Every structure is written in C-alpha cells, then in structure tokens.
C-alpha atoms as a PDB file:
ATOM      1  CA  MET A   1     135.423  65.837 110.240  1.00  0.00           C
ATOM      2  CA  SER A   2     137.259  63.747 112.253  1.00  0.00           C
ATOM      3  CA  ASP A   3     140.897  62.419 112.673  1.00  0.00           C
ATOM      4  CA  LEU A   4     140.791  60.110 109.839  1.00  0.00           C
ATOM      5  CA  GLU A   5     140.106  61.984 107.157  1.00  0.00           C
ATOM      6  CA  GLU A   6     142.045  64.167 105.371  1.00  0.00           C
ATOM      7  CA  PRO A   7     141.142  67.714 104.837  1.00  0.00           C
ATOM      8  CA  LYS A   8     140.634  68.488 100.928  1.00  0.00           C
ATOM      9  CA  SER A   9     141.584  71.184  98.721  1.00  0.00           C
ATOM     10  CA  GLY A  10     139.795  73.643  96.527  1.00  0.00           C
ATOM     11  CA  VAL A  11     136.151  74.927  96.618  1.00  0.00           C
ATOM     12  CA  SER A  12     133.724  73.283  98.293  1.00  0.00           C
ATOM     13  CA  ARG A  13     129.739  72.694  96.017  1.00  0.00           C
ATOM     14  CA  ARG A  14     128.731  74.737  99.686  1.00  0.00           C
ATOM     15  CA  THR A  15     131.145  77.572  98.874  1.00  0.00           C
ATOM     16  CA  VAL A  16     129.713  78.238  95.682  1.00  0.00           C
ATOM     17  CA  THR A  17     126.066  77.712  96.453  1.00  0.00           C
ATOM     18  CA  LYS A  18     126.678  80.128  99.057  1.00  0.00           C
ATOM     19  CA  ALA A  19     128.596  82.568  96.138  1.00  0.00           C
ATOM     20  CA  MET A  20     125.826  81.758  93.733  1.00  0.00           C
ATOM     21  CA  ALA A  21     123.013  82.950  96.424  1.00  0.00           C
ATOM     22  CA  TRP A  22     124.324  86.525  97.181  1.00  0.00           C
ATOM     23  CA  SER A  23     125.578  86.985  93.876  1.00  0.00           C
ATOM     24  CA  VAL A  24     121.851  86.534  91.728  1.00  0.00           C
ATOM     25  CA  PRO A  25     120.533  89.129  94.065  1.00  0.00           C
ATOM     26  CA  ALA A  26     122.733  91.706  93.175  1.00  0.00           C
ATOM     27  CA  ILE A  27     122.694  90.904  89.676  1.00  0.00           C
ATOM     28  CA  ALA A  28     118.535  90.998  89.269  1.00  0.00           C
ATOM     29  CA  LEU A  29     118.206  94.369  91.487  1.00  0.00           C
ATOM     30  CA  ALA A  30     121.321  96.248  88.833  1.00  0.00           C
ATOM     31  CA  VAL A  31     119.397  95.098  86.250  1.00  0.00           C
ATOM     32  CA  PRO A  32     116.179  97.440  86.816  1.00  0.00           C
ATOM     33  CA  ALA A  33     118.338 100.634  87.813  1.00  0.00           C
ATOM     34  CA  PRO A  34     119.153 101.719  84.168  1.00  0.00           C
ATOM     35  CA  ALA A  35     115.607 101.271  82.887  1.00  0.00           C
ATOM     36  CA  TYR A  36     114.399 103.006  86.560  1.00  0.00           C
ATOM     37  CA  ALA A  37     117.026 105.885  85.750  1.00  0.00           C
ATOM     38  CA  ALA A  38     115.405 107.853  83.277  1.00  0.00           C
ATOM     39  CA  SER A  39     113.142 109.806  84.095  1.00  0.00           C
ATOM     40  CA  PRO A  40     109.851 108.910  85.485  1.00  0.00           C
ATOM     41  CA  PRO A  41     106.391 110.855  84.173  1.00  0.00           C
ATOM     42  CA  CYS A  42     106.075 113.137  85.927  1.00  0.00           C
ATOM     43  CA  VAL A  43     101.994 113.430  87.029  1.00  0.00           C
ATOM     44  CA  PRO A  44     100.283 117.136  88.510  1.00  0.00           C
ATOM     45  CA  ILE A  45      99.098 117.167  91.960  1.00  0.00           C
ATOM     46  CA  ILE A  46      95.532 118.703  92.070  1.00  0.00           C
ATOM     47  CA  THR A  47      93.990 120.844  95.350  1.00  0.00           C
ATOM     48  CA  PHE A  48      91.693 123.171  96.234  1.00  0.00           C
ATOM     49  CA  GLY A  49      91.695 126.611  96.046  1.00  0.00           C
ATOM     50  CA  PRO A  50      91.840 128.417  99.553  1.00  0.00           C
ATOM     51  CA  THR A  51      88.692 129.643  98.977  1.00  0.00           C
ATOM     52  CA  SER A  52      86.976 126.024  97.822  1.00  0.00           C
ATOM     53  CA  CYS A  53      84.120 124.274 100.198  1.00  0.00           C
ATOM     54  CA  LYS A  54      80.770 122.342  99.764  1.00  0.00           C
ATOM     55  CA  CYS A  55      76.992 122.929 100.994  1.00  0.00           C
ATOM     56  CA  PRO A  56      76.407 119.803 102.276  1.00  0.00           C
ATOM     57  CA  GLY A  57      73.272 118.009 102.000  1.00  0.00           C
ATOM     58  CA  GLN A  58      71.692 119.855 105.213  1.00  0.00           C
ATOM     59  CA  SER A  59      72.537 123.120 104.100  1.00  0.00           C
ATOM     60  CA  THR A  60      69.714 125.663 103.773  1.00  0.00           C
ATOM     61  CA  GLY A  61      70.199 127.544 100.122  1.00  0.00           C
ATOM     62  CA  ASP A  62      72.163 125.369  98.328  1.00  0.00           C
ATOM     63  CA  PRO A  63      72.392 121.730  99.695  1.00  0.00           C
ATOM     64  CA  TRP A  64      74.622 119.473  97.895  1.00  0.00           C
ATOM     65  CA  THR A  65      76.802 122.010  96.089  1.00  0.00           C
ATOM     66  CA  TYR A  66      80.191 122.256  95.466  1.00  0.00           C
ATOM     67  CA  TYR A  67      82.575 125.230  94.661  1.00  0.00           C
ATOM     68  CA  LEU A  68      85.888 125.037  93.274  1.00  0.00           C
ATOM     69  CA  THR A  69      88.978 126.781  92.411  1.00  0.00           C
ATOM     70  CA  PHE A  70      91.480 124.671  91.530  1.00  0.00           C
ATOM     71  CA  CYS A  71      95.658 124.475  92.000  1.00  0.00           C
ATOM     72  CA  ALA A  72      98.126 122.034  90.682  1.00  0.00           C
ATOM     73  CA  SER A  73     101.841 121.115  91.476  1.00  0.00           C
ATOM     74  CA  VAL A  74     104.439 118.579  90.483  1.00  0.00           C
ATOM     75  CA  GLY A  75     107.460 116.858  92.761  1.00  0.00           C
ATOM     76  CA  PRO A  76     110.356 119.145  93.028  1.00  0.00           C
ATOM     77  CA  ASP A  77     112.713 116.208  90.538  1.00  0.00           C
ATOM     78  CA  CYS A  78     109.963 117.110  87.680  1.00  0.00           C
ATOM     79  CA  GLU A  79     110.845 119.920  84.759  1.00  0.00           C
ATOM     80  CA  VAL A  80     108.329 121.928  83.315  1.00  0.00           C
ATOM     81  CA  GLU A  81     107.996 124.344  80.786  1.00  0.00           C
ATOM     82  CA  PRO A  82     107.149 127.937  81.629  1.00  0.00           C
ATOM     83  CA  GLY A  83     103.642 128.428  81.154  1.00  0.00           C
ATOM     84  CA  ALA A  84     102.740 124.567  81.517  1.00  0.00           C
ATOM     85  CA  SER A  85      98.529 123.650  82.340  1.00  0.00           C
ATOM     86  CA  LEU A  86      96.527 120.656  82.756  1.00  0.00           C
ATOM     87  CA  SER A  87      93.352 120.454  81.599  1.00  0.00           C
ATOM     88  CA  ILE A  88      90.338 119.485  83.941  1.00  0.00           C
ATOM     89  CA  THR A  89      87.697 117.302  81.298  1.00  0.00           C
ATOM     90  CA  GLN A  90      85.654 116.191  84.521  1.00  0.00           C
ATOM     91  CA  VAL A  91      84.579 116.064  88.364  1.00  0.00           C
ATOM     92  CA  ASN A  92      83.163 113.074  89.952  1.00  0.00           C
ATOM     93  CA  SER A  93      81.306 112.463  93.460  1.00  0.00           C
ATOM     94  CA  LYS A  94      83.136 109.266  94.266  1.00  0.00           C
ATOM     95  CA  THR A  95      79.644 108.012  94.502  1.00  0.00           C
ATOM     96  CA  GLY A  96      77.819 105.216  92.401  1.00  0.00           C
ATOM     97  CA  GLY A  97      80.345 102.956  90.700  1.00  0.00           C
ATOM     98  CA  PRO A  98      84.101 102.855  89.694  1.00  0.00           C
ATOM     99  CA  GLY A  99      84.045 106.236  87.962  1.00  0.00           C
ATOM    100  CA  GLY A 100      82.294 107.894  90.293  1.00  0.00           C
ATOM    101  CA  THR A 101      78.751 110.298  89.605  1.00  0.00           C
ATOM    102  CA  PRO A 102      79.373 113.017  87.435  1.00  0.00           C
ATOM    103  CA  LEU A 103      78.737 116.758  89.009  1.00  0.00           C
ATOM    104  CA  GLY A 104      76.510 118.802  87.242  1.00  0.00           C
ATOM    105  CA  THR A 105      76.924 122.523  86.640  1.00  0.00           C
ATOM    106  CA  PRO A 106      73.824 124.695  86.079  1.00  0.00           C
ATOM    107  CA  ASP A 107      75.705 127.422  83.770  1.00  0.00           C
ATOM    108  CA  GLY A 108      76.369 125.006  80.977  1.00  0.00           C
ATOM    109  CA  ASN A 109      79.778 122.691  81.261  1.00  0.00           C
ATOM    110  CA  PRO A 110      82.970 124.872  81.658  1.00  0.00           C
ATOM    111  CA  TYR A 111      85.578 121.839  79.760  1.00  0.00           C
ATOM    112  CA  PRO A 112      87.954 121.953  80.507  1.00  0.00           C
ATOM    113  CA  ILE A 113      89.440 123.742  82.906  1.00  0.00           C
ATOM    114  CA  VAL A 114      92.736 124.803  82.463  1.00  0.00           C
ATOM    115  CA  VAL A 115      94.880 125.081  85.299  1.00  0.00           C
ATOM    116  CA  PRO A 116      98.935 126.644  85.623  1.00  0.00           C
ATOM    117  CA  ILE A 117     100.922 124.475  87.031  1.00  0.00           C
ATOM    118  CA  GLY A 118     102.213 125.414  90.043  1.00  0.00           C
ATOM    119  CA  GLY A 119      99.395 127.778  90.534  1.00  0.00           C
ATOM    120  CA  CYS A 120      95.280 127.632  90.632  1.00  0.00           C
ATOM    121  CA  ASN A 121      92.994 129.074  88.659  1.00  0.00           C
ATOM    122  CA  ASN A 122      91.185 131.934  88.716  1.00  0.00           C
ATOM    123  CA  THR A 123      87.634 131.157  88.781  1.00  0.00           C
ATOM    124  CA  GLU A 124      85.138 130.023  91.071  1.00  0.00           C
ATOM    125  CA  PHE A 125      82.900 127.373  89.749  1.00  0.00           C
ATOM    126  CA  ARG A 126      79.640 126.022  91.264  1.00  0.00           C
ATOM    127  CA  PHE A 127      78.863 122.338  90.942  1.00  0.00           C
ATOM    128  CA  THR A 128      75.917 120.551  91.464  1.00  0.00           C
ATOM    129  CA  SER A 129      75.765 117.075  92.848  1.00  0.00           C
ATOM    130  CA  THR A 130      73.202 114.736  94.682  1.00  0.00           C
ATOM    131  CA  ASN A 131      75.170 113.860  97.786  1.00  0.00           C
ATOM    132  CA  SER A 132      77.897 115.618  99.481  1.00  0.00           C
ATOM    133  CA  ALA A 133      80.611 112.881  98.307  1.00  0.00           C
ATOM    134  CA  ASN A 134      83.287 112.876 101.337  1.00  0.00           C
ATOM    135  CA  PHE A 135      85.954 112.394  97.742  1.00  0.00           C
ATOM    136  CA  LEU A 136      86.311 113.699  94.512  1.00  0.00           C
ATOM    137  CA  LEU A 137      87.234 112.459  91.273  1.00  0.00           C
ATOM    138  CA  ILE A 138      89.467 115.139  88.848  1.00  0.00           C
ATOM    139  CA  THR A 139      89.886 113.884  85.582  1.00  0.00           C
ATOM    140  CA  PHE A 140      92.723 115.365  83.519  1.00  0.00           C
ATOM    141  CA  GLU A 141      94.534 115.760  80.537  1.00  0.00           C
ATOM    142  CA  TYR A 142      98.686 116.627  80.577  1.00  0.00           C
ATOM    143  CA  GLN A 143     101.137 115.675  78.198  1.00  0.00           C
ATOM    144  CA  GLY A 144      99.086 113.800  76.401  1.00  0.00           C
ATOM    145  CA  SER A 145      97.764 111.373  78.938  1.00  0.00           C
ATOM    146  CA  SER A 146      94.689 111.441  80.611  1.00  0.00           C
ATOM    147  CA  THR A 147      94.876 110.739  84.762  1.00  0.00           C
ATOM    148  CA  VAL A 148      91.836 109.975  87.347  1.00  0.00           C
ATOM    149  CA  PHE A 149      93.184 111.961  90.160  1.00  0.00           C
ATOM    150  CA  GLU A 150      91.043 111.186  93.881  1.00  0.00           C
ATOM    151  CA  ILE A 151      91.018 114.276  96.212  1.00  0.00           C
ATOM    152  CA  ALA A 152      89.396 114.674  99.569  1.00  0.00           C
ATOM    153  CA  SER A 153      86.290 116.910  99.175  1.00  0.00           C
ATOM    154  CA  PRO A 154      86.821 120.727 100.145  1.00  0.00           C
ATOM    155  CA  PRO A 155      85.778 121.723 103.595  1.00  0.00           C
ATOM    156  CA  ASP A 156      81.859 122.785 104.244  1.00  0.00           C
ATOM    157  CA  CYS A 157      81.257 126.315 103.789  1.00  0.00           C
ATOM    158  CA  THR A 158      80.273 128.853 106.511  1.00  0.00           C
ATOM    159  CA  ASN A 159      77.292 130.353 104.926  1.00  0.00           C
ATOM    160  CA  CYS A 160      75.794 128.072 102.145  1.00  0.00           C
ATOM    161  CA  ALA A 161      72.176 130.368 102.202  1.00  0.00           C
ATOM    162  CA  ASP A 162      74.225 133.742 100.662  1.00  0.00           C
ATOM    163  CA  ARG A 163      76.408 131.659  98.228  1.00  0.00           C
END
C-alpha cells in the first residue's frame, strides 16, 4: 500500500474468500459423520484351523488335495449374538477366471458348512482340485448377505501319502 492511499475499513473480499475456503471442508467432512457413526456391517473373517493343509501337485498319495477346517471371527467392535454362525456355501481355488475354480469333494457335497462365530467347526473336509492354488475364495452367508472371502492357501501337509 502506498502512502497516498487511505486504509479501507471493513472486511476485504480476500478475507471473506479465505474464511469460506476453510469453512467448506469442515462442512463437507461433518456431513458424512452421522451416517458413518451408525454401526458398520460386521463381516466375519475366515481362517483355517490349525490342522488345515494342502497336498501340492508333486505330492505322492494325494496330490492337489486340501484338508480344511474353518474358523470365523469378527472385529472387536462387532456385536455378535450368542450361538451365531455363518454358512460356507462354496470353496474355489483362485484360478481359471474371476470367480475361481470350484474345489471338488469326493464324498459328496458337504455344503453348507456351518462355522460358529468366534470358533471353528470340528470337521476336517477333504477337497480335491486340479492345481495347488496360492489363494482360495470362500463364499459364505451371514445375516442374510453373501460374501466372497479371499484367503491364502494353508501350508503344505507334512505327509500326504499317509493322509
């Protein structure tokens, strides 16, 4: 400002613009908060029981076979009714396309496999395959919704010939 100009009184356009720039993000962030505050859906996490394993293709006795027990849990912020469970409706290897390739079962179709939330099922299921996939896709039903859960394949079995 030069010595010849008199200072202007009031609020400048620049000050108003700065104030608006700071207030807009605050308003935008505050709007979704009530919707997010509602409890999010609790989607169970599938894990394999401690005896789960796979016999890879180079195994003797039972190649490309998975021996699986299933466990299910939810996050600490999720409320679960006592006795709640999920139902596994399909197990696929993550090969052969977006939906994967269904694993076969030599003893018939065990579906649905019921797994208690906060625990494991007590049955080891034998699934056959045509490969040793690194990941499996587990489809399950929980509280009326169907979910596909991707999980790393279990470790190799210690002795596939004796299973």
